[in-house]
Amino acid sequence: MISLVRRIAALCALGAALAACGAPEPTHHLRHHSASPSATVPAPPTLAPGPGGLPSVFTNGPRNKKIIALTFDADMTADQGTLAAAGNRFDNPGLIDTLRELGVPATVFMTGRWADEYPEEVRYIGREPLFEVANHSYSHYSFAGNCYGLPVLAEKQMRSDVEHAFTAIRKAGVPHPMPYFRFPGGCYDDQALRAIKPLGVTAIQWDVVSGDAFATDADAVVRQVMEGVRPGSVVVMHCTRTAAPVTEQVIRAVVPSLRQQGYRFVKVSEMIRASAGRH
């Protein structure tokens, strides 16, 4: 457990300098396809508010169903434009193509700054029925004070930061992002939940840290995922090709192994729907 905490702490501390996840390559590498958002989109499942009317926090689905949700955070902070201009990439098109090739549903939590940087990739993900796009703030700044060295948002900025991210994602070409929000670094408190309450979002955490961030040993990450998952698990992974270079290898090993064990991969929305009546 200590090693896992240290890994995620290292990820988030360096997240102010690097990023965590992404999607396909620019235009000439994208595999365009015919899927497109329908004119009428049914309301996605959300959790009812928790105590005091605060947004519910979802960490895992039902433990009696062999389903798993793989989630990927597309982290790019508000001040990382110079890094992107210098050639740093916050995407991993090979990983996204691998998920499509293997038919693995996934939920991608994007920062608005990432959506600004990669609008074509946002559209690519948003138009693929296997995937769904959710909100990871605009700035990737902390919503709860001391959060692994991330800059801190004032309470009065929190709601507008999340709204700004939704606007950026829609502008990039996803008209109906999911009403799910993942706190940067996974850090939140009641003040943060109160700040985003008017938005009607469900907060999405996780119960399995993959350990793929900055890892160079794919086998070690595979072991960590395989040892951590349980029925209903939500796994946090990363797809920045420079900061998580072995994730595609991990997916190619983990997916068939878990399927052999009888697991089925689902998006977060399906996991929440399967949890109806449990909360």
C-alpha atoms as a PDB file:
ATOM      1  CA  MET A   1       0.000   0.000   0.000  1.00  0.00           C
ATOM      2  CA  ILE A   2       2.830   2.420   0.853  1.00  0.00           C
ATOM      3  CA  SER A   3       4.444   1.780  -2.512  1.00  0.00           C
ATOM      4  CA  LEU A   4       1.161   2.529  -4.285  1.00  0.00           C
ATOM      5  CA  VAL A   5       0.740   5.796  -2.402  1.00  0.00           C
ATOM      6  CA  ARG A   6       4.281   6.777  -3.289  1.00  0.00           C
ATOM      7  CA  ARG A   7       3.678   5.990  -6.955  1.00  0.00           C
ATOM      8  CA  ILE A   8       0.560   8.077  -7.211  1.00  0.00           C
ATOM      9  CA  ALA A   9       2.193  10.848  -5.205  1.00  0.00           C
ATOM     10  CA  ALA A  10       5.099  10.876  -7.648  1.00  0.00           C
ATOM     11  CA  LEU A  11       2.683  10.944 -10.562  1.00  0.00           C
ATOM     12  CA  CYS A  12       0.699  13.863  -9.269  1.00  0.00           C
ATOM     13  CA  ALA A  13       3.728  15.855  -8.163  1.00  0.00           C
ATOM     14  CA  LEU A  14       5.232  15.504 -11.581  1.00  0.00           C
ATOM     15  CA  GLY A  15       1.836  16.037 -13.155  1.00  0.00           C
ATOM     16  CA  ALA A  16       2.456  19.755 -12.933  1.00  0.00           C
ATOM     17  CA  ALA A  17       5.347  19.214 -15.319  1.00  0.00           C
ATOM     18  CA  LEU A  18       4.125  16.296 -17.359  1.00  0.00           C
ATOM     19  CA  ALA A  19       0.729  14.749 -18.024  1.00  0.00           C
ATOM     20  CA  ALA A  20      -1.075  11.489 -17.843  1.00  0.00           C
ATOM     21  CA  CYS A  21      -3.183  10.394 -20.736  1.00  0.00           C
ATOM     22  CA  GLY A  22      -4.328  10.897 -24.249  1.00  0.00           C
ATOM     23  CA  ALA A  23      -5.706   9.647 -27.471  1.00  0.00           C
ATOM     24  CA  PRO A  24      -4.950   9.240 -31.167  1.00  0.00           C
ATOM     25  CA  GLU A  25      -2.355  10.931 -33.316  1.00  0.00           C
ATOM     26  CA  PRO A  26      -2.956  14.059 -35.401  1.00  0.00           C
ATOM     27  CA  THR A  27      -5.015  13.963 -38.585  1.00  0.00           C
ATOM     28  CA  HIS A  28      -2.812  11.850 -40.831  1.00  0.00           C
ATOM     29  CA  HIS A  29      -2.717   9.005 -38.305  1.00  0.00           C
ATOM     30  CA  LEU A  30      -6.372   9.007 -37.289  1.00  0.00           C
ATOM     31  CA  ARG A  31      -8.560   6.184 -38.480  1.00  0.00           C
ATOM     32  CA  HIS A  32     -11.752   8.042 -39.299  1.00  0.00           C
ATOM     33  CA  HIS A  33     -14.947   6.044 -39.092  1.00  0.00           C
ATOM     34  CA  SER A  34     -18.644   6.569 -39.615  1.00  0.00           C
ATOM     35  CA  ALA A  35     -19.825   6.617 -35.999  1.00  0.00           C
ATOM     36  CA  SER A  36     -21.177   9.984 -34.931  1.00  0.00           C
ATOM     37  CA  PRO A  37     -23.185  11.323 -32.000  1.00  0.00           C
ATOM     38  CA  SER A  38     -26.920  10.859 -32.473  1.00  0.00           C
ATOM     39  CA  ALA A  39     -29.259  13.816 -32.508  1.00  0.00           C
ATOM     40  CA  THR A  40     -31.099  12.534 -29.428  1.00  0.00           C
ATOM     41  CA  VAL A  41     -28.845  11.437 -26.608  1.00  0.00           C
ATOM     42  CA  PRO A  42     -30.391   9.711 -23.591  1.00  0.00           C
ATOM     43  CA  ALA A  43     -29.447  11.067 -20.207  1.00  0.00           C
ATOM     44  CA  PRO A  44     -26.431   9.136 -18.874  1.00  0.00           C
ATOM     45  CA  PRO A  45     -26.732   7.436 -15.505  1.00  0.00           C
ATOM     46  CA  THR A  46     -25.584   9.377 -12.451  1.00  0.00           C
ATOM     47  CA  LEU A  47     -25.691   8.750  -8.736  1.00  0.00           C
ATOM     48  CA  ALA A  48     -28.147  10.520  -6.492  1.00  0.00           C
ATOM     49  CA  PRO A  49     -26.585  13.177  -4.252  1.00  0.00           C
ATOM     50  CA  GLY A  50     -25.016  11.999  -1.044  1.00  0.00           C
ATOM     51  CA  PRO A  51     -25.333  13.337   2.505  1.00  0.00           C
ATOM     52  CA  GLY A  52     -26.174  17.018   2.628  1.00  0.00           C
ATOM     53  CA  GLY A  53     -26.966  16.996  -1.068  1.00  0.00           C
ATOM     54  CA  LEU A  54     -23.274  16.842  -1.990  1.00  0.00           C
ATOM     55  CA  PRO A  55     -22.244  15.034  -5.182  1.00  0.00           C
ATOM     56  CA  SER A  56     -21.808  11.304  -4.692  1.00  0.00           C
ATOM     57  CA  VAL A  57     -18.304   9.893  -5.059  1.00  0.00           C
ATOM     58  CA  PHE A  58     -18.077   6.661  -7.069  1.00  0.00           C
ATOM     59  CA  THR A  59     -15.064   4.405  -6.512  1.00  0.00           C
ATOM     60  CA  ASN A  60     -16.231   0.995  -7.676  1.00  0.00           C
ATOM     61  CA  GLY A  61     -19.178  -0.916  -9.005  1.00  0.00           C
ATOM     62  CA  PRO A  62     -21.006  -3.958  -7.646  1.00  0.00           C
ATOM     63  CA  ARG A  63     -18.732  -6.614  -6.227  1.00  0.00           C
ATOM     64  CA  ASN A  64     -21.003  -9.419  -7.376  1.00  0.00           C
ATOM     65  CA  LYS A  65     -20.564  -8.718 -11.100  1.00  0.00           C
ATOM     66  CA  LYS A  66     -17.380  -9.512 -13.021  1.00  0.00           C
ATOM     67  CA  ILE A  67     -17.121  -6.162 -14.767  1.00  0.00           C
ATOM     68  CA  ILE A  68     -14.172  -3.760 -14.829  1.00  0.00           C
ATOM     69  CA  ALA A  69     -13.929  -0.132 -15.974  1.00  0.00           C
ATOM     70  CA  LEU A  70     -10.615   1.049 -17.412  1.00  0.00           C
ATOM     71  CA  THR A  71     -10.237   4.818 -17.116  1.00  0.00           C
ATOM     72  CA  PHE A  72      -7.574   7.091 -18.580  1.00  0.00           C
ATOM     73  CA  ASP A  73      -6.806  10.637 -17.446  1.00  0.00           C
ATOM     74  CA  ALA A  74      -5.860  13.106 -20.169  1.00  0.00           C
ATOM     75  CA  ASP A  75      -3.927  15.468 -17.929  1.00  0.00           C
ATOM     76  CA  MET A  76      -2.524  18.693 -19.242  1.00  0.00           C
ATOM     77  CA  THR A  77      -2.250  21.600 -16.845  1.00  0.00           C
ATOM     78  CA  ALA A  78      -3.186  25.162 -17.716  1.00  0.00           C
ATOM     79  CA  ASP A  79       0.460  26.234 -17.848  1.00  0.00           C
ATOM     80  CA  GLN A  80       1.910  23.410 -19.957  1.00  0.00           C
ATOM     81  CA  GLY A  81       1.450  25.046 -23.335  1.00  0.00           C
ATOM     82  CA  THR A  82       5.158  25.799 -23.576  1.00  0.00           C
ATOM     83  CA  LEU A  83       5.958  22.119 -23.041  1.00  0.00           C
ATOM     84  CA  ALA A  84       3.551  21.142 -25.810  1.00  0.00           C
ATOM     85  CA  ALA A  85       5.065  23.759 -28.106  1.00  0.00           C
ATOM     86  CA  ALA A  86       8.506  22.341 -27.353  1.00  0.00           C
ATOM     87  CA  GLY A  87       7.443  18.920 -28.582  1.00  0.00           C
ATOM     88  CA  ASN A  88       6.151  17.192 -25.470  1.00  0.00           C
ATOM     89  CA  ARG A  89       3.204  14.944 -26.256  1.00  0.00           C
ATOM     90  CA  PHE A  90       0.380  14.252 -23.868  1.00  0.00           C
ATOM     91  CA  ASP A  91      -1.255  11.577 -26.008  1.00  0.00           C
ATOM     92  CA  ASN A  92      -0.715   7.953 -26.934  1.00  0.00           C
ATOM     93  CA  PRO A  93      -2.460   7.155 -30.234  1.00  0.00           C
ATOM     94  CA  GLY A  94      -1.076   3.625 -30.254  1.00  0.00           C
ATOM     95  CA  LEU A  95      -2.780   2.859 -26.981  1.00  0.00           C
ATOM     96  CA  ILE A  96      -6.121   4.229 -28.148  1.00  0.00           C
ATOM     97  CA  ASP A  97      -5.849   2.210 -31.361  1.00  0.00           C
ATOM     98  CA  THR A  98      -5.062  -0.875 -29.282  1.00  0.00           C
ATOM     99  CA  LEU A  99      -8.181  -0.376 -27.185  1.00  0.00           C
ATOM    100  CA  ARG A 100     -10.211  -0.159 -30.408  1.00  0.00           C
ATOM    101  CA  GLU A 101      -8.481  -3.178 -31.903  1.00  0.00           C
ATOM    102  CA  LEU A 102      -9.230  -5.269 -28.814  1.00  0.00           C
ATOM    103  CA  GLY A 103     -12.751  -3.902 -28.503  1.00  0.00           C
ATOM    104  CA  VAL A 104     -12.193  -2.531 -25.006  1.00  0.00           C
ATOM    105  CA  PRO A 105     -14.589   0.168 -23.777  1.00  0.00           C
ATOM    106  CA  ALA A 106     -12.933   2.992 -21.837  1.00  0.00           C
ATOM    107  CA  THR A 107     -13.714   6.307 -20.173  1.00  0.00           C
ATOM    108  CA  VAL A 108     -11.303   9.168 -20.836  1.00  0.00           C
ATOM    109  CA  PHE A 109     -11.189  11.991 -18.294  1.00  0.00           C
ATOM    110  CA  MET A 110      -9.886  15.069 -20.122  1.00  0.00           C
ATOM    111  CA  THR A 111      -8.712  18.385 -18.849  1.00  0.00           C
ATOM    112  CA  GLY A 112     -10.018  21.323 -20.838  1.00  0.00           C
ATOM    113  CA  ARG A 113      -6.469  22.384 -21.589  1.00  0.00           C
ATOM    114  CA  TRP A 114      -5.842  18.970 -23.171  1.00  0.00           C
ATOM    115  CA  ALA A 115      -8.980  19.402 -25.268  1.00  0.00           C
ATOM    116  CA  ASP A 116      -7.713  22.792 -26.437  1.00  0.00           C
ATOM    117  CA  GLU A 117      -4.401  21.229 -27.453  1.00  0.00           C
ATOM    118  CA  TYR A 118      -5.756  18.158 -29.260  1.00  0.00           C
ATOM    119  CA  PRO A 119      -9.206  18.982 -30.670  1.00  0.00           C
ATOM    120  CA  GLU A 120      -9.012  16.437 -33.492  1.00  0.00           C
ATOM    121  CA  GLU A 121      -8.130  13.701 -31.033  1.00  0.00           C
ATOM    122  CA  VAL A 122     -10.969  14.747 -28.765  1.00  0.00           C
ATOM    123  CA  ARG A 123     -13.386  14.366 -31.680  1.00  0.00           C
ATOM    124  CA  TYR A 124     -11.856  10.999 -32.532  1.00  0.00           C
ATOM    125  CA  ILE A 125     -12.448   9.685 -29.033  1.00  0.00           C
ATOM    126  CA  GLY A 126     -15.854  11.303 -28.727  1.00  0.00           C
ATOM    127  CA  ARG A 127     -17.128   9.727 -31.963  1.00  0.00           C
ATOM    128  CA  GLU A 128     -15.958   6.214 -31.105  1.00  0.00           C
ATOM    129  CA  PRO A 129     -18.840   4.246 -29.525  1.00  0.00           C
ATOM    130  CA  LEU A 130     -16.391   2.235 -27.424  1.00  0.00           C
ATOM    131  CA  PHE A 131     -15.291   5.359 -25.550  1.00  0.00           C
ATOM    132  CA  GLU A 132     -16.860   8.121 -23.509  1.00  0.00           C
ATOM    133  CA  VAL A 133     -15.423  11.496 -22.537  1.00  0.00           C
ATOM    134  CA  ALA A 134     -15.669  12.976 -19.051  1.00  0.00           C
ATOM    135  CA  ASN A 135     -14.383  16.032 -17.192  1.00  0.00           C
ATOM    136  CA  HIS A 136     -11.064  16.265 -15.347  1.00  0.00           C
ATOM    137  CA  SER A 137     -11.121  20.066 -14.732  1.00  0.00           C
ATOM    138  CA  TYR A 138      -9.745  22.680 -17.073  1.00  0.00           C
ATOM    139  CA  SER A 139      -6.495  23.464 -15.275  1.00  0.00           C
ATOM    140  CA  HIS A 140      -5.617  20.210 -13.459  1.00  0.00           C
ATOM    141  CA  TYR A 141      -5.007  22.314 -10.361  1.00  0.00           C
ATOM    142  CA  SER A 142      -5.822  20.996  -6.915  1.00  0.00           C
ATOM    143  CA  PHE A 143      -9.342  21.227  -5.496  1.00  0.00           C
ATOM    144  CA  ALA A 144      -8.229  20.351  -1.959  1.00  0.00           C
ATOM    145  CA  GLY A 145      -5.159  22.253  -0.860  1.00  0.00           C
ATOM    146  CA  ASN A 146      -2.077  20.095  -0.383  1.00  0.00           C
ATOM    147  CA  CYS A 147      -2.343  17.681  -3.299  1.00  0.00           C
ATOM    148  CA  TYR A 148       1.053  16.357  -4.342  1.00  0.00           C
ATOM    149  CA  GLY A 149       2.432  19.765  -5.232  1.00  0.00           C
ATOM    150  CA  LEU A 150      -0.303  20.803  -7.673  1.00  0.00           C
ATOM    151  CA  PRO A 151      -1.212  24.509  -7.754  1.00  0.00           C
ATOM    152  CA  VAL A 152      -4.321  25.168  -5.677  1.00  0.00           C
ATOM    153  CA  LEU A 153      -7.619  26.594  -6.902  1.00  0.00           C
ATOM    154  CA  ALA A 154      -9.548  28.980  -4.681  1.00  0.00           C
ATOM    155  CA  GLU A 155     -13.008  27.702  -3.783  1.00  0.00           C
ATOM    156  CA  LYS A 156     -14.628  30.456  -5.843  1.00  0.00           C
ATOM    157  CA  GLN A 157     -12.727  29.224  -8.929  1.00  0.00           C
ATOM    158  CA  MET A 158     -13.650  25.548  -8.683  1.00  0.00           C
ATOM    159  CA  ARG A 159     -17.074  25.595 -10.317  1.00  0.00           C
ATOM    160  CA  SER A 160     -15.939  27.832 -13.176  1.00  0.00           C
ATOM    161  CA  ASP A 161     -12.884  25.632 -13.772  1.00  0.00           C
ATOM    162  CA  VAL A 162     -15.105  22.576 -14.262  1.00  0.00           C
ATOM    163  CA  GLU A 163     -17.519  24.559 -16.443  1.00  0.00           C
ATOM    164  CA  HIS A 164     -14.583  25.812 -18.515  1.00  0.00           C
ATOM    165  CA  ALA A 165     -13.513  22.218 -19.126  1.00  0.00           C
ATOM    166  CA  PHE A 166     -16.993  21.215 -20.307  1.00  0.00           C
ATOM    167  CA  THR A 167     -16.962  24.199 -22.670  1.00  0.00           C
ATOM    168  CA  ALA A 168     -13.547  23.254 -24.080  1.00  0.00           C
ATOM    169  CA  ILE A 169     -14.568  19.623 -24.596  1.00  0.00           C
ATOM    170  CA  ARG A 170     -17.758  20.648 -26.408  1.00  0.00           C
ATOM    171  CA  LYS A 171     -15.862  23.171 -28.515  1.00  0.00           C
ATOM    172  CA  ALA A 172     -13.408  20.443 -29.534  1.00  0.00           C
ATOM    173  CA  GLY A 173     -16.255  18.359 -30.919  1.00  0.00           C
ATOM    174  CA  VAL A 174     -17.909  16.327 -28.142  1.00  0.00           C
ATOM    175  CA  PRO A 175     -21.379  17.832 -27.800  1.00  0.00           C
ATOM    176  CA  HIS A 176     -22.419  15.573 -24.937  1.00  0.00           C
ATOM    177  CA  PRO A 177     -19.565  14.874 -22.519  1.00  0.00           C
ATOM    178  CA  MET A 178     -20.561  12.663 -19.635  1.00  0.00           C
ATOM    179  CA  PRO A 179     -21.673  14.380 -16.402  1.00  0.00           C
ATOM    180  CA  TYR A 180     -18.772  12.814 -14.524  1.00  0.00           C
ATOM    181  CA  PHE A 181     -15.925  14.657 -12.855  1.00  0.00           C
ATOM    182  CA  ARG A 182     -12.579  13.347 -11.625  1.00  0.00           C
ATOM    183  CA  PHE A 183     -10.696  15.553  -9.192  1.00  0.00           C
ATOM    184  CA  PRO A 184      -7.086  16.262 -10.200  1.00  0.00           C
ATOM    185  CA  GLY A 185      -4.845  14.004  -8.161  1.00  0.00           C
ATOM    186  CA  GLY A 186      -7.959  12.390  -6.744  1.00  0.00           C
ATOM    187  CA  CYS A 187      -7.906  15.093  -4.045  1.00  0.00           C
ATOM    188  CA  TYR A 188     -11.148  16.549  -2.727  1.00  0.00           C
ATOM    189  CA  ASP A 189     -12.953  17.542   0.457  1.00  0.00           C
ATOM    190  CA  ASP A 190     -16.449  18.682   1.376  1.00  0.00           C
ATOM    191  CA  GLN A 191     -15.629  22.235   0.305  1.00  0.00           C
ATOM    192  CA  ALA A 192     -14.754  21.007  -3.181  1.00  0.00           C
ATOM    193  CA  LEU A 193     -17.893  18.884  -3.351  1.00  0.00           C
ATOM    194  CA  ARG A 194     -20.001  21.877  -2.329  1.00  0.00           C
ATOM    195  CA  ALA A 195     -18.341  24.012  -5.016  1.00  0.00           C
ATOM    196  CA  ILE A 196     -19.279  21.626  -7.831  1.00  0.00           C
ATOM    197  CA  LYS A 197     -22.699  20.690  -6.432  1.00  0.00           C
ATOM    198  CA  PRO A 198     -24.633  23.048  -8.773  1.00  0.00           C
ATOM    199  CA  LEU A 199     -23.192  21.238 -11.805  1.00  0.00           C
ATOM    200  CA  GLY A 200     -25.027  18.001 -11.043  1.00  0.00           C
ATOM    201  CA  VAL A 201     -21.990  15.802 -11.706  1.00  0.00           C
ATOM    202  CA  THR A 202     -21.032  12.486 -10.147  1.00  0.00           C
ATOM    203  CA  ALA A 203     -17.448  12.441  -8.854  1.00  0.00           C
ATOM    204  CA  ILE A 204     -15.483   9.442 -10.145  1.00  0.00           C
ATOM    205  CA  GLN A 205     -12.523   8.025  -8.234  1.00  0.00           C
ATOM    206  CA  TRP A 206     -11.042   4.515  -8.482  1.00  0.00           C
ATOM    207  CA  ASP A 207     -10.150   1.482  -6.386  1.00  0.00           C
ATOM    208  CA  VAL A 208      -7.154   0.211  -8.404  1.00  0.00           C
ATOM    209  CA  VAL A 209      -4.006   2.208  -9.156  1.00  0.00           C
ATOM    210  CA  SER A 210      -2.348   0.551 -12.137  1.00  0.00           C
ATOM    211  CA  GLY A 211       1.141   1.840 -11.377  1.00  0.00           C
ATOM    212  CA  ASP A 212       1.781   2.510 -15.064  1.00  0.00           C
ATOM    213  CA  ALA A 213       2.856   6.121 -14.610  1.00  0.00           C
ATOM    214  CA  PHE A 214       6.575   6.460 -15.326  1.00  0.00           C
ATOM    215  CA  ALA A 215       6.909   2.674 -15.236  1.00  0.00           C
ATOM    216  CA  THR A 216       9.399   0.946 -17.521  1.00  0.00           C
ATOM    217  CA  ASP A 217       8.649  -2.644 -16.468  1.00  0.00           C
ATOM    218  CA  ALA A 218       5.424  -3.697 -18.162  1.00  0.00           C
ATOM    219  CA  ASP A 219       5.367  -7.042 -16.356  1.00  0.00           C
ATOM    220  CA  ALA A 220       5.399  -5.308 -12.971  1.00  0.00           C
ATOM    221  CA  VAL A 221       2.428  -3.151 -13.969  1.00  0.00           C
ATOM    222  CA  VAL A 222       0.557  -6.192 -15.277  1.00  0.00           C
ATOM    223  CA  ARG A 223       1.099  -7.949 -11.943  1.00  0.00           C
ATOM    224  CA  GLN A 224      -0.108  -4.921 -10.017  1.00  0.00           C
ATOM    225  CA  VAL A 225      -3.296  -4.654 -12.044  1.00  0.00           C
ATOM    226  CA  MET A 226      -4.014  -8.370 -11.959  1.00  0.00           C
ATOM    227  CA  GLU A 227      -3.456  -8.518  -8.204  1.00  0.00           C
ATOM    228  CA  GLY A 228      -5.586  -5.431  -7.556  1.00  0.00           C
ATOM    229  CA  VAL A 229      -8.719  -5.937  -9.625  1.00  0.00           C
ATOM    230  CA  ARG A 230     -11.903  -7.329  -8.178  1.00  0.00           C
ATOM    231  CA  PRO A 231     -15.411  -7.506  -9.588  1.00  0.00           C
ATOM    232  CA  GLY A 232     -16.624  -3.945 -10.040  1.00  0.00           C
ATOM    233  CA  SER A 233     -13.156  -2.359 -10.047  1.00  0.00           C
ATOM    234  CA  VAL A 234     -12.437   1.039 -11.560  1.00  0.00           C
ATOM    235  CA  VAL A 235      -8.812   1.128 -12.726  1.00  0.00           C
ATOM    236  CA  VAL A 236      -6.926   4.384 -13.240  1.00  0.00           C
ATOM    237  CA  MET A 237      -4.357   4.229 -16.038  1.00  0.00           C
ATOM    238  CA  HIS A 238      -2.432   6.697 -18.163  1.00  0.00           C
ATOM    239  CA  CYS A 239      -1.701   7.040 -21.843  1.00  0.00           C
ATOM    240  CA  THR A 240       0.915   9.744 -22.223  1.00  0.00           C
ATOM    241  CA  ARG A 241       3.450   8.071 -24.410  1.00  0.00           C
ATOM    242  CA  THR A 242       6.421   9.703 -22.675  1.00  0.00           C
ATOM    243  CA  ALA A 243       5.244   9.453 -19.051  1.00  0.00           C
ATOM    244  CA  ALA A 244       3.657   6.001 -19.300  1.00  0.00           C
ATOM    245  CA  PRO A 245       5.549   4.214 -22.068  1.00  0.00           C
ATOM    246  CA  VAL A 246       4.530   0.632 -21.231  1.00  0.00           C
ATOM    247  CA  THR A 247       0.760   1.066 -20.930  1.00  0.00           C
ATOM    248  CA  GLU A 248      -0.038  -0.296 -24.382  1.00  0.00           C
ATOM    249  CA  GLN A 249       1.952  -3.442 -23.561  1.00  0.00           C
ATOM    250  CA  VAL A 250       0.091  -3.726 -20.288  1.00  0.00           C
ATOM    251  CA  ILE A 251      -3.282  -3.504 -22.030  1.00  0.00           C
ATOM    252  CA  ARG A 252      -2.301  -6.226 -24.501  1.00  0.00           C
ATOM    253  CA  ALA A 253      -1.440  -8.528 -21.585  1.00  0.00           C
ATOM    254  CA  VAL A 254      -4.143  -7.614 -19.074  1.00  0.00           C
ATOM    255  CA  VAL A 255      -7.185  -7.590 -21.356  1.00  0.00           C
ATOM    256  CA  PRO A 256      -6.987 -11.205 -22.589  1.00  0.00           C
ATOM    257  CA  SER A 257      -5.994 -12.467 -19.140  1.00  0.00           C
ATOM    258  CA  LEU A 258      -8.953 -10.844 -17.439  1.00  0.00           C
ATOM    259  CA  ARG A 259     -11.313 -11.959 -20.177  1.00  0.00           C
ATOM    260  CA  GLN A 260     -10.114 -15.519 -19.652  1.00  0.00           C
ATOM    261  CA  GLN A 261     -11.086 -15.106 -16.005  1.00  0.00           C
ATOM    262  CA  GLY A 262     -14.601 -14.144 -17.053  1.00  0.00           C
ATOM    263  CA  TYR A 263     -14.341 -10.373 -16.688  1.00  0.00           C
ATOM    264  CA  ARG A 264     -16.094  -7.974 -19.033  1.00  0.00           C
ATOM    265  CA  PHE A 265     -14.869  -4.427 -19.680  1.00  0.00           C
ATOM    266  CA  VAL A 266     -17.357  -1.572 -19.437  1.00  0.00           C
ATOM    267  CA  LYS A 267     -17.411   2.199 -19.482  1.00  0.00           C
ATOM    268  CA  VAL A 268     -17.981   4.102 -16.248  1.00  0.00           C
ATOM    269  CA  SER A 269     -21.556   4.863 -17.325  1.00  0.00           C
ATOM    270  CA  GLU A 270     -22.348   1.164 -17.563  1.00  0.00           C
ATOM    271  CA  MET A 271     -20.639   0.539 -14.227  1.00  0.00           C
ATOM    272  CA  ILE A 272     -22.846   3.186 -12.603  1.00  0.00           C
ATOM    273  CA  ARG A 273     -25.929   1.750 -14.273  1.00  0.00           C
ATOM    274  CA  ALA A 274     -25.004  -1.692 -12.917  1.00  0.00           C
ATOM    275  CA  SER A 275     -24.743  -0.129  -9.484  1.00  0.00           C
ATOM    276  CA  ALA A 276     -28.292   1.243  -9.530  1.00  0.00           C
ATOM    277  CA  GLY A 277     -29.997   0.584  -6.247  1.00  0.00           C
ATOM    278  CA  ARG A 278     -26.711  -0.207  -4.517  1.00  0.00           C
ATOM    279  CA  HIS A 279     -26.165   3.324  -3.162  1.00  0.00           C
END
